[in-house]
């Protein structure tokens, strides 16, 4: 298989920038006041949690963050975000189900990255 284009290199500037953007998006999504969260069909919130943390895991691995610290950090970040949503005056509620969706997303993103790496 041909080598990836240099712009897509692991640990490159683009990968670190994309990971930084994913982190900023997660901050906006997880800590927006409840009044800024649009109404959505059932289970959309769960899907957003899964996809958000999958994106964090994939982009984090692409940026060169080692798997164990990345996954541990994402699990703690997920738990912390739910605690903040429950306790801060954001008009949001913390949820164990959302935390589990975050963990599933992080693990799914990590598994996807590992599978892509094996194919390279």
PDB file of N, CA and C in Angstrom:
ATOM      1  N   UNK A   1       0.849  -1.179   0.000  1.00  0.00           N
ATOM      2  CA  UNK A   1       0.000   0.000   0.000  1.00  0.00           C
ATOM      3  C   UNK A   1       0.890   1.236   0.000  1.00  0.00           C
ATOM      4  N   UNK A   2       0.513   2.256  -0.739  1.00  0.00           N
ATOM      5  CA  UNK A   2       1.306   3.468  -0.851  1.00  0.00           C
ATOM      6  C   UNK A   2       1.283   4.245   0.463  1.00  0.00           C
ATOM      7  N   UNK A   3       2.360   4.976   0.707  1.00  0.00           N
ATOM      8  CA  UNK A   3       2.444   5.809   1.908  1.00  0.00           C
ATOM      9  C   UNK A   3       1.409   6.930   1.807  1.00  0.00           C
ATOM     10  N   UNK A   4       0.857   7.341   2.956  1.00  0.00           N
ATOM     11  CA  UNK A   4      -0.130   8.419   2.912  1.00  0.00           C
ATOM     12  C   UNK A   4       0.539   9.729   2.507  1.00  0.00           C
ATOM     13  N   UNK A   5      -0.250  10.608   1.985  1.00  0.00           N
ATOM     14  CA  UNK A   5       0.239  11.935   1.626  1.00  0.00           C
ATOM     15  C   UNK A   5       0.849  12.579   2.870  1.00  0.00           C
ATOM     16  N   UNK A   6       1.962  13.315   2.736  1.00  0.00           N
ATOM     17  CA  UNK A   6       2.617  13.912   3.912  1.00  0.00           C
ATOM     18  C   UNK A   6       1.691  14.778   4.749  1.00  0.00           C
ATOM     19  N   UNK A   7       0.706  15.404   4.117  1.00  0.00           N
ATOM     20  CA  UNK A   7      -0.220  16.250   4.866  1.00  0.00           C
ATOM     21  C   UNK A   7      -1.033  15.426   5.860  1.00  0.00           C
ATOM     22  N   UNK A   8      -1.236  14.138   5.567  1.00  0.00           N
ATOM     23  CA  UNK A   8      -2.021  13.270   6.447  1.00  0.00           C
ATOM     24  C   UNK A   8      -1.160  12.505   7.448  1.00  0.00           C
ATOM     25  N   UNK A   9       0.107  12.843   7.553  1.00  0.00           N
ATOM     26  CA  UNK A   9       1.027  12.127   8.432  1.00  0.00           C
ATOM     27  C   UNK A   9       0.588  12.216   9.891  1.00  0.00           C
ATOM     28  N   UNK A  10       0.790  11.116  10.596  1.00  0.00           N
ATOM     29  CA  UNK A  10       0.542  11.100  12.035  1.00  0.00           C
ATOM     30  C   UNK A  10       1.564  12.019  12.688  1.00  0.00           C
ATOM     31  N   UNK A  11       1.158  12.743  13.687  1.00  0.00           N
ATOM     32  CA  UNK A  11       1.986  13.695  14.441  1.00  0.00           C
ATOM     33  C   UNK A  11       2.247  14.974  13.656  1.00  0.00           C
ATOM     34  N   UNK A  12       1.669  15.136  12.489  1.00  0.00           N
ATOM     35  CA  UNK A  12       1.889  16.337  11.701  1.00  0.00           C
ATOM     36  C   UNK A  12       1.082  17.509  12.230  1.00  0.00           C
ATOM     37  N   UNK A  13       1.389  18.672  11.688  1.00  0.00           N
ATOM     38  CA  UNK A  13       0.700  19.892  12.117  1.00  0.00           C
ATOM     39  C   UNK A  13      -0.804  19.806  11.856  1.00  0.00           C
ATOM     40  N   UNK A  14      -1.173  19.248  10.699  1.00  0.00           N
ATOM     41  CA  UNK A  14      -2.599  19.124  10.395  1.00  0.00           C
ATOM     42  C   UNK A  14      -3.297  18.240  11.415  1.00  0.00           C
ATOM     43  N   UNK A  15      -2.702  17.120  11.765  1.00  0.00           N
ATOM     44  CA  UNK A  15      -3.351  16.208  12.717  1.00  0.00           C
ATOM     45  C   UNK A  15      -3.512  16.859  14.082  1.00  0.00           C
ATOM     46  N   UNK A  16      -2.508  17.596  14.515  1.00  0.00           N
ATOM     47  CA  UNK A  16      -2.619  18.283  15.812  1.00  0.00           C
ATOM     48  C   UNK A  16      -3.677  19.386  15.754  1.00  0.00           C
ATOM     49  N   UNK A  17      -3.748  20.083  14.616  1.00  0.00           N
ATOM     50  CA  UNK A  17      -4.752  21.131  14.469  1.00  0.00           C
ATOM     51  C   UNK A  17      -6.164  20.572  14.458  1.00  0.00           C
ATOM     52  N   UNK A  18      -6.352  19.464  13.767  1.00  0.00           N
ATOM     53  CA  UNK A  18      -7.677  18.841  13.716  1.00  0.00           C
ATOM     54  C   UNK A  18      -8.086  18.349  15.103  1.00  0.00           C
ATOM     55  N   UNK A  19      -7.133  17.780  15.843  1.00  0.00           N
ATOM     56  CA  UNK A  19      -7.440  17.348  17.208  1.00  0.00           C
ATOM     57  C   UNK A  19      -7.823  18.555  18.073  1.00  0.00           C
ATOM     58  N   UNK A  20      -7.102  19.653  17.932  1.00  0.00           N
ATOM     59  CA  UNK A  20      -7.422  20.859  18.702  1.00  0.00           C
ATOM     60  C   UNK A  20      -8.825  21.360  18.368  1.00  0.00           C
ATOM     61  N   UNK A  21      -9.186  21.330  17.096  1.00  0.00           N
ATOM     62  CA  UNK A  21     -10.535  21.749  16.693  1.00  0.00           C
ATOM     63  C   UNK A  21     -11.580  20.804  17.290  1.00  0.00           C
ATOM     64  N   UNK A  22     -11.310  19.503  17.275  1.00  0.00           N
ATOM     65  CA  UNK A  22     -12.246  18.536  17.862  1.00  0.00           C
ATOM     66  C   UNK A  22     -12.449  18.813  19.351  1.00  0.00           C
ATOM     67  N   UNK A  23     -11.366  19.145  20.044  1.00  0.00           N
ATOM     68  CA  UNK A  23     -11.477  19.470  21.477  1.00  0.00           C
ATOM     69  C   UNK A  23     -12.322  20.727  21.657  1.00  0.00           C
ATOM     70  N   UNK A  24     -12.079  21.755  20.846  1.00  0.00           N
ATOM     71  CA  UNK A  24     -12.867  22.989  20.960  1.00  0.00           C
ATOM     72  C   UNK A  24     -14.339  22.748  20.654  1.00  0.00           C
ATOM     73  N   UNK A  25     -14.625  21.946  19.650  1.00  0.00           N
ATOM     74  CA  UNK A  25     -16.021  21.613  19.338  1.00  0.00           C
ATOM     75  C   UNK A  25     -16.653  20.880  20.513  1.00  0.00           C
ATOM     76  N   UNK A  26     -15.895  19.953  21.124  1.00  0.00           N
ATOM     77  CA  UNK A  26     -16.448  19.212  22.265  1.00  0.00           C
ATOM     78  C   UNK A  26     -16.765  20.155  23.423  1.00  0.00           C
ATOM     79  N   UNK A  27     -15.910  21.134  23.653  1.00  0.00           N
ATOM     80  CA  UNK A  27     -16.178  22.103  24.724  1.00  0.00           C
ATOM     81  C   UNK A  27     -17.464  22.876  24.443  1.00  0.00           C
ATOM     82  N   UNK A  28     -17.643  23.284  23.196  1.00  0.00           N
ATOM     83  CA  UNK A  28     -18.850  24.029  22.831  1.00  0.00           C
ATOM     84  C   UNK A  28     -20.098  23.167  22.971  1.00  0.00           C
ATOM     85  N   UNK A  29     -20.006  21.914  22.534  1.00  0.00           N
ATOM     86  CA  UNK A  29     -21.168  21.020  22.573  1.00  0.00           C
ATOM     87  C   UNK A  29     -21.511  20.631  24.009  1.00  0.00           C
ATOM     88  N   UNK A  30     -20.502  20.284  24.793  1.00  0.00           N
ATOM     89  CA  UNK A  30     -20.754  19.755  26.131  1.00  0.00           C
ATOM     90  C   UNK A  30     -21.102  20.827  27.162  1.00  0.00           C
ATOM     91  N   UNK A  31     -20.623  22.044  26.938  1.00  0.00           N
ATOM     92  CA  UNK A  31     -20.800  23.067  27.969  1.00  0.00           C
ATOM     93  C   UNK A  31     -21.641  24.255  27.523  1.00  0.00           C
ATOM     94  N   UNK A  32     -22.346  24.123  26.405  1.00  0.00           N
ATOM     95  CA  UNK A  32     -23.272  25.167  25.980  1.00  0.00           C
ATOM     96  C   UNK A  32     -24.451  25.202  26.950  1.00  0.00           C
ATOM     97  N   UNK A  33     -24.952  26.383  27.212  1.00  0.00           N
ATOM     98  CA  UNK A  33     -26.143  26.454  28.075  1.00  0.00           C
ATOM     99  C   UNK A  33     -27.303  25.690  27.446  1.00  0.00           C
ATOM    100  N   UNK A  34     -28.167  25.181  28.285  1.00  0.00           N
ATOM    101  CA  UNK A  34     -29.315  24.414  27.811  1.00  0.00           C
ATOM    102  C   UNK A  34     -30.156  25.170  26.804  1.00  0.00           C
ATOM    103  N   UNK A  35     -30.232  26.496  26.954  1.00  0.00           N
ATOM    104  CA  UNK A  35     -31.039  27.292  26.022  1.00  0.00           C
ATOM    105  C   UNK A  35     -30.444  27.310  24.618  1.00  0.00           C
ATOM    106  N   UNK A  36     -29.157  26.976  24.476  1.00  0.00           N
ATOM    107  CA  UNK A  36     -28.503  26.941  23.157  1.00  0.00           C
ATOM    108  C   UNK A  36     -28.569  25.567  22.502  1.00  0.00           C
ATOM    109  N   UNK A  37     -29.083  24.573  23.222  1.00  0.00           N
ATOM    110  CA  UNK A  37     -29.154  23.215  22.685  1.00  0.00           C
ATOM    111  C   UNK A  37     -30.468  23.063  21.930  1.00  0.00           C
ATOM    112  N   UNK A  38     -30.403  22.793  20.622  1.00  0.00           N
ATOM    113  CA  UNK A  38     -31.646  22.708  19.841  1.00  0.00           C
ATOM    114  C   UNK A  38     -32.449  21.455  20.178  1.00  0.00           C
ATOM    115  N   UNK A  39     -33.741  21.552  19.972  1.00  0.00           N
ATOM    116  CA  UNK A  39     -34.600  20.377  20.129  1.00  0.00           C
ATOM    117  C   UNK A  39     -34.249  19.388  19.023  1.00  0.00           C
ATOM    118  N   UNK A  40     -34.314  18.124  19.343  1.00  0.00           N
ATOM    119  CA  UNK A  40     -33.925  17.102  18.369  1.00  0.00           C
ATOM    120  C   UNK A  40     -34.751  15.840  18.598  1.00  0.00           C
ATOM    121  N   UNK A  41     -34.803  14.983  17.582  1.00  0.00           N
ATOM    122  CA  UNK A  41     -35.525  13.719  17.740  1.00  0.00           C
ATOM    123  C   UNK A  41     -34.912  12.859  18.847  1.00  0.00           C
ATOM    124  N   UNK A  42     -35.655  11.892  19.349  1.00  0.00           N
ATOM    125  CA  UNK A  42     -35.126  11.007  20.399  1.00  0.00           C
ATOM    126  C   UNK A  42     -33.821  10.344  19.968  1.00  0.00           C
ATOM    127  N   UNK A  43     -32.950  10.167  20.907  1.00  0.00           N
ATOM    128  CA  UNK A  43     -31.654   9.492  20.757  1.00  0.00           C
ATOM    129  C   UNK A  43     -30.613  10.290  19.967  1.00  0.00           C
ATOM    130  N   UNK A  44     -30.981  11.477  19.489  1.00  0.00           N
ATOM    131  CA  UNK A  44     -29.998  12.307  18.796  1.00  0.00           C
ATOM    132  C   UNK A  44     -28.871  12.686  19.748  1.00  0.00           C
ATOM    133  N   UNK A  45     -29.220  13.016  20.982  1.00  0.00           N
ATOM    134  CA  UNK A  45     -28.219  13.393  21.971  1.00  0.00           C
ATOM    135  C   UNK A  45     -27.218  12.259  22.191  1.00  0.00           C
ATOM    136  N   UNK A  46     -27.706  11.046  22.273  1.00  0.00           N
ATOM    137  CA  UNK A  46     -26.819   9.890  22.457  1.00  0.00           C
ATOM    138  C   UNK A  46     -25.899   9.728  21.256  1.00  0.00           C
ATOM    139  N   UNK A  47     -26.435   9.869  20.069  1.00  0.00           N
ATOM    140  CA  UNK A  47     -25.622   9.765  18.858  1.00  0.00           C
ATOM    141  C   UNK A  47     -24.552  10.856  18.819  1.00  0.00           C
ATOM    142  N   UNK A  48     -24.913  12.063  19.216  1.00  0.00           N
ATOM    143  CA  UNK A  48     -23.942  13.160  19.254  1.00  0.00           C
ATOM    144  C   UNK A  48     -22.817  12.822  20.226  1.00  0.00           C
ATOM    145  N   UNK A  49     -23.143  12.286  21.390  1.00  0.00           N
ATOM    146  CA  UNK A  49     -22.118  11.909  22.364  1.00  0.00           C
ATOM    147  C   UNK A  49     -21.173  10.847  21.790  1.00  0.00           C
ATOM    148  N   UNK A  50     -21.741   9.822  21.179  1.00  0.00           N
ATOM    149  CA  UNK A  50     -20.911   8.750  20.606  1.00  0.00           C
ATOM    150  C   UNK A  50     -19.987   9.312  19.532  1.00  0.00           C
ATOM    151  N   UNK A  51     -20.544  10.075  18.600  1.00  0.00           N
ATOM    152  CA  UNK A  51     -19.744  10.605  17.492  1.00  0.00           C
ATOM    153  C   UNK A  51     -18.696  11.611  17.961  1.00  0.00           C
ATOM    154  N   UNK A  52     -19.056  12.436  18.922  1.00  0.00           N
ATOM    155  CA  UNK A  52     -18.113  13.431  19.441  1.00  0.00           C
ATOM    156  C   UNK A  52     -16.892  12.762  20.058  1.00  0.00           C
ATOM    157  N   UNK A  53     -17.118  11.758  20.885  1.00  0.00           N
ATOM    158  CA  UNK A  53     -15.989  11.098  21.546  1.00  0.00           C
ATOM    159  C   UNK A  53     -15.241  10.161  20.599  1.00  0.00           C
ATOM    160  N   UNK A  54     -15.918   9.632  19.592  1.00  0.00           N
ATOM    161  CA  UNK A  54     -15.213   8.874  18.559  1.00  0.00           C
ATOM    162  C   UNK A  54     -14.277   9.807  17.799  1.00  0.00           C
ATOM    163  N   UNK A  55     -14.760  11.002  17.474  1.00  0.00           N
ATOM    164  CA  UNK A  55     -13.925  11.988  16.782  1.00  0.00           C
ATOM    165  C   UNK A  55     -12.729  12.389  17.636  1.00  0.00           C
ATOM    166  N   UNK A  56     -12.940  12.568  18.933  1.00  0.00           N
ATOM    167  CA  UNK A  56     -11.832  12.912  19.825  1.00  0.00           C
ATOM    168  C   UNK A  56     -10.801  11.791  19.862  1.00  0.00           C
ATOM    169  N   UNK A  57     -11.261  10.547  19.895  1.00  0.00           N
ATOM    170  CA  UNK A  57     -10.330   9.412  19.944  1.00  0.00           C
ATOM    171  C   UNK A  57      -9.547   9.282  18.641  1.00  0.00           C
ATOM    172  N   UNK A  58     -10.231   9.363  17.511  1.00  0.00           N
ATOM    173  CA  UNK A  58      -9.545   9.218  16.218  1.00  0.00           C
ATOM    174  C   UNK A  58      -8.562  10.364  16.004  1.00  0.00           C
ATOM    175  N   UNK A  59      -9.009  11.586  16.226  1.00  0.00           N
ATOM    176  CA  UNK A  59      -8.106  12.715  15.988  1.00  0.00           C
ATOM    177  C   UNK A  59      -6.969  12.760  16.997  1.00  0.00           C
ATOM    178  N   UNK A  60      -7.247  12.314  18.218  1.00  0.00           N
ATOM    179  CA  UNK A  60      -6.180  12.254  19.224  1.00  0.00           C
ATOM    180  C   UNK A  60      -5.102  11.255  18.849  1.00  0.00           C
ATOM    181  N   UNK A  61      -5.522  10.091  18.382  1.00  0.00           N
ATOM    182  CA  UNK A  61      -4.545   9.083  17.933  1.00  0.00           C
ATOM    183  C   UNK A  61      -3.798   9.569  16.711  1.00  0.00           C
ATOM    184  N   UNK A  62      -4.509  10.218  15.771  1.00  0.00           N
ATOM    185  CA  UNK A  62      -3.869  10.762  14.577  1.00  0.00           C
ATOM    186  C   UNK A  62      -2.822  11.809  14.965  1.00  0.00           C
ATOM    187  N   UNK A  63      -3.133  12.592  16.000  1.00  0.00           N
ATOM    188  CA  UNK A  63      -2.199  13.622  16.465  1.00  0.00           C
ATOM    189  C   UNK A  63      -1.014  13.027  17.212  1.00  0.00           C
ATOM    190  N   UNK A  64      -1.077  11.734  17.506  1.00  0.00           N
ATOM    191  CA  UNK A  64       0.054  11.074  18.148  1.00  0.00           C
ATOM    192  C   UNK A  64      -0.081  10.845  19.637  1.00  0.00           C
ATOM    193  N   UNK A  65      -1.270  11.091  20.185  1.00  0.00           N
ATOM    194  CA  UNK A  65      -1.475  10.824  21.614  1.00  0.00           C
ATOM    195  C   UNK A  65      -1.537   9.309  21.793  1.00  0.00           C
ATOM    196  N   UNK A  66      -0.760   8.801  22.738  1.00  0.00           N
ATOM    197  CA  UNK A  66      -0.755   7.348  22.982  1.00  0.00           C
ATOM    198  C   UNK A  66      -2.130   6.889  23.452  1.00  0.00           C
ATOM    199  N   UNK A  67      -2.451   5.650  23.126  1.00  0.00           N
ATOM    200  CA  UNK A  67      -3.797   5.124  23.348  1.00  0.00           C
ATOM    201  C   UNK A  67      -4.223   5.153  24.814  1.00  0.00           C
ATOM    202  N   UNK A  68      -3.390   4.656  25.695  1.00  0.00           N
ATOM    203  CA  UNK A  68      -3.808   4.557  27.104  1.00  0.00           C
ATOM    204  C   UNK A  68      -4.084   5.916  27.725  1.00  0.00           C
ATOM    205  N   UNK A  69      -3.165   6.889  27.612  1.00  0.00           N
ATOM    206  CA  UNK A  69      -3.486   8.197  28.193  1.00  0.00           C
ATOM    207  C   UNK A  69      -4.676   8.878  27.507  1.00  0.00           C
ATOM    208  N   UNK A  70      -4.801   8.673  26.195  1.00  0.00           N
ATOM    209  CA  UNK A  70      -5.919   9.288  25.482  1.00  0.00           C
ATOM    210  C   UNK A  70      -7.244   8.728  25.985  1.00  0.00           C
ATOM    211  N   UNK A  71      -7.352   7.400  26.031  1.00  0.00           N
ATOM    212  CA  UNK A  71      -8.615   6.795  26.467  1.00  0.00           C
ATOM    213  C   UNK A  71      -8.922   7.119  27.920  1.00  0.00           C
ATOM    214  N   UNK A  72      -7.914   7.070  28.767  1.00  0.00           N
ATOM    215  CA  UNK A  72      -8.128   7.422  30.181  1.00  0.00           C
ATOM    216  C   UNK A  72      -8.581   8.878  30.298  1.00  0.00           C
ATOM    217  N   UNK A  73      -7.943   9.751  29.546  1.00  0.00           N
ATOM    218  CA  UNK A  73      -8.323  11.164  29.570  1.00  0.00           C
ATOM    219  C   UNK A  73      -9.731  11.393  29.062  1.00  0.00           C
ATOM    220  N   UNK A  74     -10.106  10.681  28.007  1.00  0.00           N
ATOM    221  CA  UNK A  74     -11.447  10.846  27.463  1.00  0.00           C
ATOM    222  C   UNK A  74     -12.517  10.328  28.421  1.00  0.00           C
ATOM    223  N   UNK A  75     -12.246   9.223  29.091  1.00  0.00           N
ATOM    224  CA  UNK A  75     -13.214   8.696  30.073  1.00  0.00           C
ATOM    225  C   UNK A  75     -13.388   9.690  31.221  1.00  0.00           C
ATOM    226  N   UNK A  76     -12.281  10.262  31.691  1.00  0.00           N
ATOM    227  CA  UNK A  76     -12.353  11.259  32.771  1.00  0.00           C
ATOM    228  C   UNK A  76     -13.020  12.549  32.291  1.00  0.00           C
ATOM    229  N   UNK A  77     -12.692  12.976  31.076  1.00  0.00           N
ATOM    230  CA  UNK A  77     -13.310  14.174  30.499  1.00  0.00           C
ATOM    231  C   UNK A  77     -14.816  13.981  30.379  1.00  0.00           C
ATOM    232  N   UNK A  78     -15.225  12.800  29.929  1.00  0.00           N
ATOM    233  CA  UNK A  78     -16.647  12.493  29.798  1.00  0.00           C
ATOM    234  C   UNK A  78     -17.339  12.568  31.155  1.00  0.00           C
ATOM    235  N   UNK A  79     -16.736  11.948  32.159  1.00  0.00           N
ATOM    236  CA  UNK A  79     -17.331  11.967  33.506  1.00  0.00           C
ATOM    237  C   UNK A  79     -17.382  13.392  34.043  1.00  0.00           C
ATOM    238  N   UNK A  80     -16.285  14.110  33.879  1.00  0.00           N
ATOM    239  CA  UNK A  80     -16.242  15.496  34.360  1.00  0.00           C
ATOM    240  C   UNK A  80     -17.262  16.375  33.681  1.00  0.00           C
ATOM    241  N   UNK A  81     -17.466  16.174  32.381  1.00  0.00           N
ATOM    242  CA  UNK A  81     -18.445  16.993  31.665  1.00  0.00           C
ATOM    243  C   UNK A  81     -19.854  16.747  32.192  1.00  0.00           C
ATOM    244  N   UNK A  82     -20.150  15.512  32.528  1.00  0.00           N
ATOM    245  CA  UNK A  82     -21.477  15.208  33.069  1.00  0.00           C
ATOM    246  C   UNK A  82     -21.666  15.801  34.462  1.00  0.00           C
ATOM    247  N   UNK A  83     -20.614  15.777  35.266  1.00  0.00           N
ATOM    248  CA  UNK A  83     -20.688  16.396  36.599  1.00  0.00           C
ATOM    249  C   UNK A  83     -20.903  17.899  36.458  1.00  0.00           C
ATOM    250  N   UNK A  84     -20.149  18.534  35.569  1.00  0.00           N
ATOM    251  CA  UNK A  84     -20.306  19.983  35.363  1.00  0.00           C
ATOM    252  C   UNK A  84     -21.711  20.286  34.860  1.00  0.00           C
ATOM    253  N   UNK A  85     -22.216  19.497  33.925  1.00  0.00           N
ATOM    254  CA  UNK A  85     -23.575  19.731  33.431  1.00  0.00           C
ATOM    255  C   UNK A  85     -24.602  19.602  34.554  1.00  0.00           C
ATOM    256  N   UNK A  86     -24.362  18.699  35.475  1.00  0.00           N
ATOM    257  CA  UNK A  86     -25.307  18.486  36.575  1.00  0.00           C
ATOM    258  C   UNK A  86     -25.228  19.597  37.617  1.00  0.00           C
ATOM    259  N   UNK A  87     -24.030  20.125  37.858  1.00  0.00           N
ATOM    260  CA  UNK A  87     -23.839  21.060  38.962  1.00  0.00           C
ATOM    261  C   UNK A  87     -23.768  22.527  38.567  1.00  0.00           C
ATOM    262  N   UNK A  88     -23.298  22.823  37.374  1.00  0.00           N
ATOM    263  CA  UNK A  88     -23.136  24.219  36.952  1.00  0.00           C
ATOM    264  C   UNK A  88     -24.484  24.801  36.542  1.00  0.00           C
ATOM    265  N   UNK A  89     -24.596  26.111  36.623  1.00  0.00           N
ATOM    266  CA  UNK A  89     -25.865  26.741  36.221  1.00  0.00           C
ATOM    267  C   UNK A  89     -25.983  26.858  34.701  1.00  0.00           C
ATOM    268  N   UNK A  90     -25.895  25.714  34.015  1.00  0.00           N
ATOM    269  CA  UNK A  90     -25.977  25.689  32.557  1.00  0.00           C
ATOM    270  C   UNK A  90     -27.368  25.317  32.062  1.00  0.00           C
ATOM    271  N   UNK A  91     -28.265  24.999  32.976  1.00  0.00           N
ATOM    272  CA  UNK A  91     -29.593  24.490  32.617  1.00  0.00           C
ATOM    273  C   UNK A  91     -29.460  23.208  31.802  1.00  0.00           C
ATOM    274  N   UNK A  92     -28.525  22.358  32.236  1.00  0.00           N
ATOM    275  CA  UNK A  92     -28.290  21.051  31.613  1.00  0.00           C
ATOM    276  C   UNK A  92     -28.382  20.009  32.723  1.00  0.00           C
ATOM    277  N   UNK A  93     -28.434  18.757  32.363  1.00  0.00           N
ATOM    278  CA  UNK A  93     -28.456  17.713  33.378  1.00  0.00           C
ATOM    279  C   UNK A  93     -27.363  16.704  33.065  1.00  0.00           C
ATOM    280  N   UNK A  94     -26.701  16.233  34.101  1.00  0.00           N
ATOM    281  CA  UNK A  94     -25.708  15.184  33.944  1.00  0.00           C
ATOM    282  C   UNK A  94     -26.408  13.849  33.778  1.00  0.00           C
ATOM    283  N   UNK A  95     -25.756  12.944  33.083  1.00  0.00           N
ATOM    284  CA  UNK A  95     -26.406  11.677  32.798  1.00  0.00           C
ATOM    285  C   UNK A  95     -25.376  10.555  32.704  1.00  0.00           C
ATOM    286  N   UNK A  96     -25.634   9.478  33.429  1.00  0.00           N
ATOM    287  CA  UNK A  96     -24.776   8.298  33.332  1.00  0.00           C
ATOM    288  C   UNK A  96     -24.883   7.715  31.924  1.00  0.00           C
ATOM    289  N   UNK A  97     -26.069   7.768  31.323  1.00  0.00           N
ATOM    290  CA  UNK A  97     -26.245   7.248  29.964  1.00  0.00           C
ATOM    291  C   UNK A  97     -25.384   8.034  28.969  1.00  0.00           C
ATOM    292  N   UNK A  98     -25.318   9.355  29.134  1.00  0.00           N
ATOM    293  CA  UNK A  98     -24.466  10.155  28.247  1.00  0.00           C
ATOM    294  C   UNK A  98     -22.998   9.806  28.466  1.00  0.00           C
ATOM    295  N   UNK A  99     -22.607   9.608  29.711  1.00  0.00           N
ATOM    296  CA  UNK A  99     -21.219   9.219  30.000  1.00  0.00           C
ATOM    297  C   UNK A  99     -20.904   7.875  29.334  1.00  0.00           C
ATOM    298  N   UNK A 100     -21.816   6.934  29.427  1.00  0.00           N
ATOM    299  CA  UNK A 100     -21.605   5.641  28.765  1.00  0.00           C
ATOM    300  C   UNK A 100     -21.519   5.794  27.251  1.00  0.00           C
ATOM    301  N   UNK A 101     -22.347   6.665  26.686  1.00  0.00           N
ATOM    302  CA  UNK A 101     -22.280   6.922  25.241  1.00  0.00           C
ATOM    303  C   UNK A 101     -20.919   7.514  24.874  1.00  0.00           C
ATOM    304  N   UNK A 102     -20.402   8.403  25.725  1.00  0.00           N
ATOM    305  CA  UNK A 102     -19.077   8.984  25.504  1.00  0.00           C
ATOM    306  C   UNK A 102     -18.004   7.898  25.514  1.00  0.00           C
ATOM    307  N   UNK A 103     -18.080   7.009  26.485  1.00  0.00           N
ATOM    308  CA  UNK A 103     -17.092   5.930  26.599  1.00  0.00           C
ATOM    309  C   UNK A 103     -17.183   4.999  25.388  1.00  0.00           C
ATOM    310  N   UNK A 104     -18.395   4.667  24.977  1.00  0.00           N
ATOM    311  CA  UNK A 104     -18.572   3.823  23.787  1.00  0.00           C
ATOM    312  C   UNK A 104     -17.978   4.519  22.566  1.00  0.00           C
ATOM    313  N   UNK A 105     -18.221   5.811  22.433  1.00  0.00           N
ATOM    314  CA  UNK A 105     -17.665   6.562  21.315  1.00  0.00           C
ATOM    315  C   UNK A 105     -16.144   6.581  21.336  1.00  0.00           C
ATOM    316  N   UNK A 106     -15.556   6.818  22.511  1.00  0.00           N
ATOM    317  CA  UNK A 106     -14.095   6.842  22.624  1.00  0.00           C
ATOM    318  C   UNK A 106     -13.505   5.482  22.263  1.00  0.00           C
ATOM    319  N   UNK A 107     -14.097   4.421  22.779  1.00  0.00           N
ATOM    320  CA  UNK A 107     -13.603   3.078  22.459  1.00  0.00           C
ATOM    321  C   UNK A 107     -13.799   2.753  20.978  1.00  0.00           C
ATOM    322  N   UNK A 108     -14.931   3.145  20.430  1.00  0.00           N
ATOM    323  CA  UNK A 108     -15.182   2.915  19.013  1.00  0.00           C
ATOM    324  C   UNK A 108     -14.210   3.674  18.129  1.00  0.00           C
ATOM    325  N   UNK A 109     -13.928   4.911  18.486  1.00  0.00           N
ATOM    326  CA  UNK A 109     -12.961   5.699  17.731  1.00  0.00           C
ATOM    327  C   UNK A 109     -11.568   5.111  17.811  1.00  0.00           C
ATOM    328  N   UNK A 110     -11.201   4.648  18.996  1.00  0.00           N
ATOM    329  CA  UNK A 110      -9.893   4.011  19.175  1.00  0.00           C
ATOM    330  C   UNK A 110      -9.807   2.730  18.334  1.00  0.00           C
ATOM    331  N   UNK A 111     -10.852   1.917  18.372  1.00  0.00           N
ATOM    332  CA  UNK A 111     -10.855   0.684  17.569  1.00  0.00           C
ATOM    333  C   UNK A 111     -10.788   0.987  16.072  1.00  0.00           C
ATOM    334  N   UNK A 112     -11.504   2.016  15.636  1.00  0.00           N
ATOM    335  CA  UNK A 112     -11.449   2.413  14.236  1.00  0.00           C
ATOM    336  C   UNK A 112     -10.019   2.816  13.863  1.00  0.00           C
ATOM    337  N   UNK A 113      -9.375   3.617  14.708  1.00  0.00           N
ATOM    338  CA  UNK A 113      -7.995   4.024  14.441  1.00  0.00           C
ATOM    339  C   UNK A 113      -7.073   2.809  14.356  1.00  0.00           C
ATOM    340  N   UNK A 114      -7.217   1.892  15.292  1.00  0.00           N
ATOM    341  CA  UNK A 114      -6.361   0.702  15.287  1.00  0.00           C
ATOM    342  C   UNK A 114      -6.563  -0.102  14.003  1.00  0.00           C
ATOM    343  N   UNK A 115      -7.789  -0.209  13.579  1.00  0.00           N
ATOM    344  CA  UNK A 115      -8.082  -0.959  12.348  1.00  0.00           C
ATOM    345  C   UNK A 115      -7.467  -0.261  11.134  1.00  0.00           C
ATOM    346  N   UNK A 116      -7.586   1.056  11.075  1.00  0.00           N
ATOM    347  CA  UNK A 116      -6.985   1.807   9.969  1.00  0.00           C
ATOM    348  C   UNK A 116      -5.460   1.677   9.978  1.00  0.00           C
ATOM    349  N   UNK A 117      -4.881   1.696  11.157  1.00  0.00           N
ATOM    350  CA  UNK A 117      -3.423   1.563  11.275  1.00  0.00           C
ATOM    351  C   UNK A 117      -2.961   0.192  10.785  1.00  0.00           C
ATOM    352  N   UNK A 118      -3.709  -0.828  11.108  1.00  0.00           N
ATOM    353  CA  UNK A 118      -3.338  -2.186  10.649  1.00  0.00           C
ATOM    354  C   UNK A 118      -3.406  -2.296   9.135  1.00  0.00           C
ATOM    355  N   UNK A 119      -4.344  -1.595   8.533  1.00  0.00           N
ATOM    356  CA  UNK A 119      -4.487  -1.646   7.071  1.00  0.00           C
ATOM    357  C   UNK A 119      -3.354  -0.924   6.372  1.00  0.00           C
ATOM    358  N   UNK A 120      -2.748   0.062   7.070  1.00  0.00           N
ATOM    359  CA  UNK A 120      -1.619   0.778   6.473  1.00  0.00           C
ATOM    360  C   UNK A 120      -0.435  -0.105   6.561  1.00  0.00           C
TER     361      UNK A 120
END
